[in-house]
Protein backbone atom coordinates (compact mmCIF):
# COMPACT_ATOMS: atom_id res chain seq x y z
CA MET A 1 -160.93 47.26 114.29
CA ASN A 2 -157.68 47.46 116.30
CA GLN A 3 -156.96 44.34 118.53
CA LEU A 4 -157.69 46.12 121.76
CA THR A 5 -161.23 46.80 120.69
CA SER A 6 -161.60 43.17 119.22
CA ILE A 7 -160.49 41.94 122.49
CA LEU A 8 -163.20 44.04 124.60
CA ILE A 9 -166.11 43.07 122.14
CA LEU A 10 -165.18 39.60 122.19
CA ALA A 11 -164.83 39.57 125.84
CA ALA A 12 -168.32 41.35 125.70
CA THR A 13 -170.05 38.82 123.68
CA TYR A 14 -168.58 35.96 125.79
CA VAL A 15 -170.22 37.63 129.04
CA GLY A 16 -173.43 38.37 127.15
CA THR A 17 -173.59 34.62 126.28
CA VAL A 18 -173.35 33.23 129.52
CA VAL A 19 -175.24 36.03 131.50
CA GLY A 20 -178.61 35.05 130.79
CA ALA A 21 -181.91 34.71 132.54
CA GLY A 22 -180.75 32.98 135.57
CA PHE A 23 -177.43 34.79 135.96
CA SER A 24 -178.67 38.47 135.65
CA THR A 25 -181.74 37.86 137.76
CA GLY A 26 -179.67 36.22 140.55
CA LYS A 27 -181.51 32.87 140.39
CA GLU A 28 -178.63 30.93 139.25
CA ILE A 29 -176.49 32.62 141.47
CA VAL A 30 -178.87 31.51 144.55
CA THR A 31 -179.17 28.07 143.50
CA PHE A 32 -175.52 27.33 142.99
CA PHE A 33 -173.80 29.40 145.25
CA SER A 34 -175.44 31.58 147.95
CA LEU A 35 -177.47 28.92 149.25
CA ASN A 36 -174.10 27.65 150.57
CA GLY A 37 -173.16 31.06 152.12
CA ALA A 38 -169.21 31.74 152.38
CA LEU A 39 -168.54 28.40 150.93
CA GLY A 40 -170.28 29.73 147.99
CA THR A 41 -167.46 32.35 147.44
CA ILE A 42 -164.84 29.35 147.02
CA GLY A 43 -167.13 27.87 144.37
CA ILE A 44 -167.29 31.25 142.66
CA ALA A 45 -163.83 31.48 142.38
CA ILE A 46 -163.02 27.59 141.12
CA THR A 47 -165.88 28.58 138.58
CA GLY A 48 -163.90 31.93 137.39
CA PHE A 49 -160.88 29.88 137.01
CA LEU A 50 -162.77 27.40 134.64
CA PHE A 51 -164.52 30.15 132.66
CA ILE A 52 -160.96 31.54 131.43
CA VAL A 53 -159.30 28.62 130.84
CA VAL A 54 -161.96 26.30 129.13
CA GLY A 55 -163.71 29.27 127.42
CA SER A 56 -160.48 30.53 125.69
CA LYS A 57 -159.71 26.68 124.84
CA ILE A 58 -162.92 26.43 123.17
CA MET A 59 -162.24 29.40 120.68
CA ILE A 60 -158.71 28.37 120.05
CA ILE A 61 -159.54 24.79 119.23
CA SER A 62 -162.41 26.14 117.06
CA ALA A 63 -160.14 28.52 115.29
CA ARG A 64 -157.60 25.89 114.46
CA ILE A 65 -159.84 23.49 113.02
CA GLN A 66 -162.18 25.65 111.36
CA ALA A 67 -165.61 24.59 113.25
CA TYR A 68 -168.63 26.31 111.70
CA SER A 69 -170.62 25.40 114.66
CA PHE A 70 -170.59 23.43 117.64
CA GLN A 71 -171.20 20.43 115.55
CA GLU A 72 -167.95 19.94 113.88
CA PHE A 73 -166.23 21.03 117.48
CA ASN A 74 -167.82 18.05 119.13
CA VAL A 75 -167.06 15.57 116.68
CA TYR A 76 -163.19 16.51 116.55
CA ILE A 77 -163.20 16.53 120.65
CA PHE A 78 -165.01 13.53 121.14
CA GLY A 79 -164.98 11.50 117.99
CA ILE A 80 -167.72 10.90 115.63
CA LYS A 81 -169.91 8.49 117.46
CA VAL A 82 -169.66 10.16 120.98
CA GLY A 83 -169.56 13.72 119.37
CA LYS A 84 -172.99 12.78 117.77
CA ILE A 85 -174.45 12.13 121.19
CA VAL A 86 -172.91 15.54 122.76
CA ASN A 87 -174.24 17.52 119.96
CA ILE A 88 -178.02 16.04 120.40
CA LEU A 89 -177.62 16.85 124.18
CA ILE A 90 -176.31 20.17 123.62
CA PHE A 91 -178.97 20.92 121.16
CA ILE A 92 -181.35 20.22 123.51
CA VAL A 93 -179.91 21.65 126.47
CA VAL A 94 -179.38 24.97 124.62
CA VAL A 95 -183.06 24.91 123.24
CA CYS A 96 -184.41 24.40 126.90
CA VAL A 97 -182.02 26.89 128.43
CA THR A 98 -183.15 29.40 126.01
CA SER A 99 -186.80 28.85 126.96
CA VAL A 100 -185.65 29.46 130.46
CA MET A 101 -184.37 32.84 129.22
CA LEU A 102 -187.42 33.47 127.29
CA SER A 103 -189.55 32.64 130.05
CA GLY A 104 -187.18 35.18 132.20
CA ALA A 105 -188.30 37.88 130.06
CA GLY A 106 -191.96 37.15 130.76
CA ALA A 107 -191.08 37.02 134.26
CA VAL A 108 -189.54 40.52 134.37
CA PHE A 109 -192.86 41.81 132.60
CA HIS A 110 -195.05 40.17 134.79
CA GLU A 111 -193.34 40.16 138.45
CA GLN A 112 -191.59 43.57 138.20
CA LEU A 113 -193.58 45.92 135.60
CA GLY A 114 -197.24 44.31 136.29
CA LEU A 115 -197.30 43.46 132.63
CA PRO A 116 -198.78 40.33 131.09
CA TYR A 117 -196.30 37.21 130.84
CA GLN A 118 -196.95 36.47 127.22
CA MET A 119 -196.29 40.29 126.21
CA GLY A 120 -192.86 39.86 127.41
CA ILE A 121 -192.14 36.48 125.63
CA ILE A 122 -193.55 38.05 122.61
CA THR A 123 -191.79 40.95 122.44
CA THR A 124 -188.57 39.53 122.94
CA LEU A 125 -188.98 36.83 120.35
CA PHE A 126 -189.94 39.74 117.82
CA LEU A 127 -186.82 41.66 118.59
CA CYS A 128 -185.05 38.78 118.56
CA TYR A 129 -186.00 37.92 114.95
CA ILE A 130 -184.59 41.35 113.85
CA VAL A 131 -181.31 41.16 115.47
CA ILE A 132 -180.48 37.69 114.38
CA LEU A 133 -181.11 38.40 110.74
CA LYS A 134 -178.11 40.71 110.85
CA GLY A 135 -175.67 37.90 112.26
CA LEU A 136 -172.58 38.36 114.52
CA LYS A 137 -172.50 41.84 113.90
CA GLY A 138 -175.89 42.12 115.55
CA ILE A 139 -175.10 40.25 118.45
CA PHE A 140 -171.50 42.19 119.01
CA ALA A 141 -173.37 45.54 118.84
CA ILE A 142 -175.95 44.40 121.54
CA ASN A 143 -173.28 43.39 123.91
CA SER A 144 -171.17 46.25 123.58
CA TYR A 145 -173.81 48.34 125.19
CA THR A 146 -175.20 45.76 127.86
CA VAL A 147 -172.34 44.17 129.24
CA PRO A 148 -170.77 47.17 130.69
CA LEU A 149 -173.79 48.32 132.04
CA MET A 150 -174.46 44.96 133.83
CA ILE A 151 -170.57 45.45 135.36
CA ILE A 152 -171.50 48.92 136.61
CA PHE A 153 -174.86 48.07 138.06
CA SER A 154 -173.13 44.76 139.76
CA LEU A 155 -170.68 47.09 141.10
CA PHE A 156 -172.91 49.94 142.49
CA VAL A 157 -175.17 47.27 144.44
CA ALA A 158 -172.21 45.40 146.24
CA VAL A 159 -170.39 48.78 147.02
CA ALA A 160 -173.90 50.78 148.21
CA ILE A 161 -174.61 47.75 150.54
CA PHE A 162 -171.00 47.09 152.09
CA GLY A 163 -170.13 50.56 152.43
CA LYS A 164 -172.67 50.87 155.28
CA GLN A 165 -172.07 47.30 156.72
CA PRO A 166 -168.49 45.97 155.84
CA HIS A 167 -168.61 43.35 158.44
CA LEU A 168 -171.33 41.52 156.24
CA LEU A 169 -168.29 41.26 153.42
CA LEU A 170 -166.12 39.18 155.58
CA GLU A 171 -168.86 36.93 156.84
CA GLN A 172 -169.15 36.14 152.79
CA VAL A 173 -165.38 35.90 152.13
CA ILE A 174 -164.50 33.65 155.29
CA PRO A 175 -166.27 30.47 156.08
CA ASP A 176 -166.63 29.94 159.82
CA GLN A 177 -166.44 25.94 159.11
CA LEU A 178 -166.70 23.52 156.39
CA SER A 179 -169.85 21.73 155.61
CA ALA A 180 -170.09 18.08 155.58
CA ASP A 181 -172.43 18.25 152.63
CA LEU A 182 -169.85 18.53 149.95
CA SER A 183 -172.46 19.81 147.23
CA TRP A 184 -171.00 23.32 147.60
CA ALA A 185 -167.80 21.70 146.01
CA VAL A 186 -169.74 20.26 143.11
CA SER A 187 -171.76 23.30 142.41
CA PRO A 188 -168.86 25.18 140.67
CA PHE A 189 -167.89 22.43 138.48
CA THR A 190 -171.59 21.64 137.36
CA TYR A 191 -172.34 25.53 137.05
CA ALA A 192 -169.14 25.95 134.85
CA ALA A 193 -169.86 22.82 132.77
CA PHE A 194 -173.41 23.74 131.94
CA ASN A 195 -172.52 27.29 130.68
CA LEU A 196 -169.70 26.36 128.91
CA MET A 197 -171.41 23.56 127.07
CA THR A 198 -174.29 26.03 126.31
CA ALA A 199 -171.75 28.94 125.51
CA GLN A 200 -170.34 26.68 122.50
CA VAL A 201 -173.33 27.71 120.34
CA VAL A 202 -171.45 31.30 120.13
CA LEU A 203 -167.64 30.64 121.27
CA VAL A 204 -167.43 28.09 118.25
CA PRO A 205 -168.24 30.63 115.52
CA LEU A 206 -166.39 33.31 117.17
CA GLY A 207 -163.10 31.47 117.12
CA ASN A 208 -163.83 30.42 113.53
CA GLU A 209 -164.41 33.88 112.47
CA ILE A 210 -161.87 35.84 114.18
CA ARG A 211 -158.86 33.24 114.24
CA ASP A 212 -156.40 35.71 115.64
CA GLU A 213 -155.25 33.50 118.59
CA ARG A 214 -154.16 36.53 120.61
CA ILE A 215 -157.55 38.15 120.52
CA LEU A 216 -159.16 35.03 121.34
CA ARG A 217 -156.67 34.11 124.20
CA TRP A 218 -157.17 37.87 125.64
CA GLY A 219 -160.95 37.84 124.92
CA GLY A 220 -161.38 34.85 126.79
CA PHE A 221 -159.19 35.76 129.80
CA TRP A 222 -161.10 38.93 130.29
CA GLY A 223 -164.60 37.53 129.49
CA GLY A 224 -164.02 34.96 132.06
CA LEU A 225 -162.47 37.21 134.65
CA VAL A 226 -165.53 39.50 134.11
CA LEU A 227 -168.05 36.94 134.73
CA PHE A 228 -166.10 35.85 137.87
CA PHE A 229 -166.42 39.41 139.02
CA ILE A 230 -170.13 39.79 138.39
CA LEU A 231 -170.78 36.32 140.08
CA LEU A 232 -169.02 37.49 143.11
CA THR A 233 -170.27 40.93 143.53
CA ASN A 234 -174.10 39.44 142.97
CA HIS A 235 -173.18 36.61 145.10
CA PHE A 236 -172.12 39.17 148.11
CA SER A 237 -175.22 41.38 147.62
CA LEU A 238 -177.87 38.37 147.41
CA SER A 239 -176.11 36.90 150.84
CA VAL A 240 -177.10 39.87 153.03
CA PHE A 241 -180.66 39.54 151.84
CA PRO A 242 -181.68 35.66 152.18
CA GLU A 243 -185.18 36.33 152.10
CA THR A 244 -184.99 37.35 148.38
CA PHE A 245 -183.86 33.86 147.66
CA SER A 246 -187.33 32.38 146.97
CA HIS A 247 -188.24 35.14 144.64
CA GLU A 248 -187.82 34.64 140.99
CA ILE A 249 -185.78 37.86 140.40
CA PRO A 250 -184.07 38.41 143.76
CA MET A 251 -181.51 40.96 142.52
CA ALA A 252 -184.36 43.12 141.36
CA ASP A 253 -185.84 42.96 144.83
CA ILE A 254 -182.67 43.99 146.37
CA VAL A 255 -182.26 46.95 143.65
CA LYS A 256 -185.84 48.17 144.55
CA ARG A 257 -184.17 49.31 147.88
CA PHE A 258 -182.46 52.20 145.99
CA GLY A 259 -185.19 53.77 144.65
CA THR A 260 -187.92 53.47 141.78
CA PHE A 261 -185.54 55.07 139.11
CA ILE A 262 -182.69 52.91 139.93
CA HIS A 263 -184.90 49.80 140.01
CA VAL A 264 -186.54 50.45 136.48
CA LEU A 265 -182.99 51.29 135.03
CA PHE A 266 -181.67 47.62 136.51
CA LEU A 267 -184.84 45.85 134.92
CA PHE A 268 -183.63 47.20 131.38
CA VAL A 269 -180.34 45.87 132.05
CA ILE A 270 -181.69 42.50 133.34
CA TYR A 271 -183.88 42.43 130.27
CA GLY A 272 -180.87 43.26 128.01
CA GLU A 273 -178.79 40.40 129.10
CA ILE A 274 -181.65 38.02 128.92
CA PHE A 275 -182.33 39.36 125.17
CA ASN A 276 -178.34 39.11 124.73
CA SER A 277 -178.17 35.21 125.69
CA VAL A 278 -181.59 34.63 123.74
CA VAL A 279 -180.31 36.01 120.50
CA GLY A 280 -176.86 34.21 121.10
CA ASN A 281 -178.41 31.08 121.34
CA ILE A 282 -180.98 31.14 118.42
CA PHE A 283 -178.06 32.12 116.47
CA GLY A 284 -175.82 29.21 117.12
CA VAL A 285 -178.64 26.88 116.84
CA THR A 286 -179.98 27.94 113.83
CA ARG A 287 -176.20 27.64 112.32
CA GLN A 288 -176.47 24.07 113.36
CA LEU A 289 -179.59 23.56 111.79
CA LYS A 290 -178.84 25.04 108.56
CA SER A 291 -175.76 22.80 108.12
CA THR A 292 -177.41 19.70 109.02
CA PHE A 293 -180.70 19.85 107.46
CA GLY A 294 -180.00 22.35 104.82
CA LEU A 295 -182.77 24.94 105.95
CA ARG A 296 -182.91 28.28 104.82
CA TYR A 297 -181.68 30.71 107.63
CA HIS A 298 -184.86 32.34 108.39
CA HIS A 299 -186.88 29.25 108.49
CA ALA A 300 -184.69 27.90 110.89
CA VAL A 301 -184.82 30.92 113.00
CA LEU A 302 -188.71 30.68 113.11
CA LEU A 303 -188.65 27.12 113.88
CA ILE A 304 -186.52 27.50 117.05
CA MET A 305 -188.46 30.29 117.97
CA LEU A 306 -191.82 28.44 117.93
CA VAL A 307 -190.16 25.64 119.97
CA ILE A 308 -188.88 27.79 122.74
CA PHE A 309 -191.99 29.35 122.70
CA LEU A 310 -193.96 26.49 123.59
CA ILE A 311 -191.45 25.15 126.23
CA SER A 312 -191.03 28.56 128.06
CA GLN A 313 -194.99 28.34 129.00
CA ALA A 314 -193.67 26.09 131.75
CA GLY A 315 -192.84 29.06 133.87
CA TYR A 316 -189.15 30.63 134.75
CA GLY A 317 -188.69 29.32 138.41
CA LYS A 318 -189.66 26.03 137.72
CA LEU A 319 -187.58 25.59 134.63
CA VAL A 320 -184.49 27.09 136.29
CA SER A 321 -184.56 25.16 139.60
CA VAL A 322 -185.12 22.01 137.92
CA LEU A 323 -183.49 22.06 134.59
CA TYR A 324 -180.20 23.77 135.17
CA PRO A 325 -178.75 21.47 137.80
CA LEU A 326 -179.78 18.64 136.08
CA PHE A 327 -178.25 19.88 132.93
CA GLY A 328 -174.92 20.94 134.86
CA TYR A 329 -174.44 17.10 135.78
CA MET A 330 -175.11 16.05 132.22
CA SER A 331 -172.42 18.24 131.08
CA LEU A 332 -169.50 17.33 133.74
CA PHE A 333 -168.00 14.63 131.38
CA ALA A 334 -167.83 17.10 128.46
CA LEU A 335 -166.08 19.44 130.79
CA VAL A 336 -163.39 17.01 131.92
CA VAL A 337 -162.82 16.21 128.53
CA LEU A 338 -162.33 19.70 127.38
CA LEU A 339 -159.86 20.05 130.19
CA ILE A 340 -157.95 16.88 129.21
CA LYS A 341 -157.88 17.55 125.25
CA LYS A 342 -154.81 19.11 123.74
CA ILE A 343 -155.20 21.96 121.16
CA PRO A 344 -154.21 20.74 117.87
CA GLU A 345 -151.21 22.05 116.15
CA ARG A 346 -151.39 25.02 113.63
């Protein structure tokens, strides 16, 4: 495999890890950015920068210290005592977030296809088990297909909307006034912190297994840039239809306007991105359980699946609106330390 292919696959895996249920459905974007109008666009630019810089840094540090899982990585970053606390926090957050993504799969089946909520959850878990047993190769294979489709759809929706009403794009780029409420300025940092901390479960093993720093740097750069692009285009599209903000899958409601075929195709893309993130998170958490408690790989996978299944029963919309902002604030400390920490010498 040549370097260019490796960079593209790495970038796609980075994107696929972050673009989970809340991201691809538009629920996260509404919560953190679109509710702030044009100021949300500034927030997305800050988030994109953090995705590029910190995502690459995580992988390069992991490669240099040869961290098997995020457990070793955080002990290096924060020290033994604080590192253990951070690892416990990340473990809890990732398990809860994976449960949110699993409930997102149930929401796609129920809200958009009229099928039972539990069918979406059980089908997803079954498919995840098959892919996870194949390790990183299985994760690479899925992302190489679903991420390009997500980019194409995001671009298609944005161009279709603003091709007819270009003035609406300008309204979402240039804020007419700054808000006295500074929550819009905090949102990009909490959002990036939350996503980067949870993405550790995949980025750390990637850095350790690839180790070629040119691939890691460029993969992190392009992965972060694509995340910025998808965030921006989806934010623009959502902002034109604020009536969709209260829906559990707002992007799907927008795509419905382009006909049944496009809508169904987009649901497959959303489901694929949810599936990617569930697989990646279970894979990363399983590695930690295996290294910490000496569990057999497939036993650890089944244990995590049982836990996230139980949490997912709380419901998708409720989990996103409550857990995501909370975990974002909890992750801010870790983001600041990561920005300050120097990359170790080779």
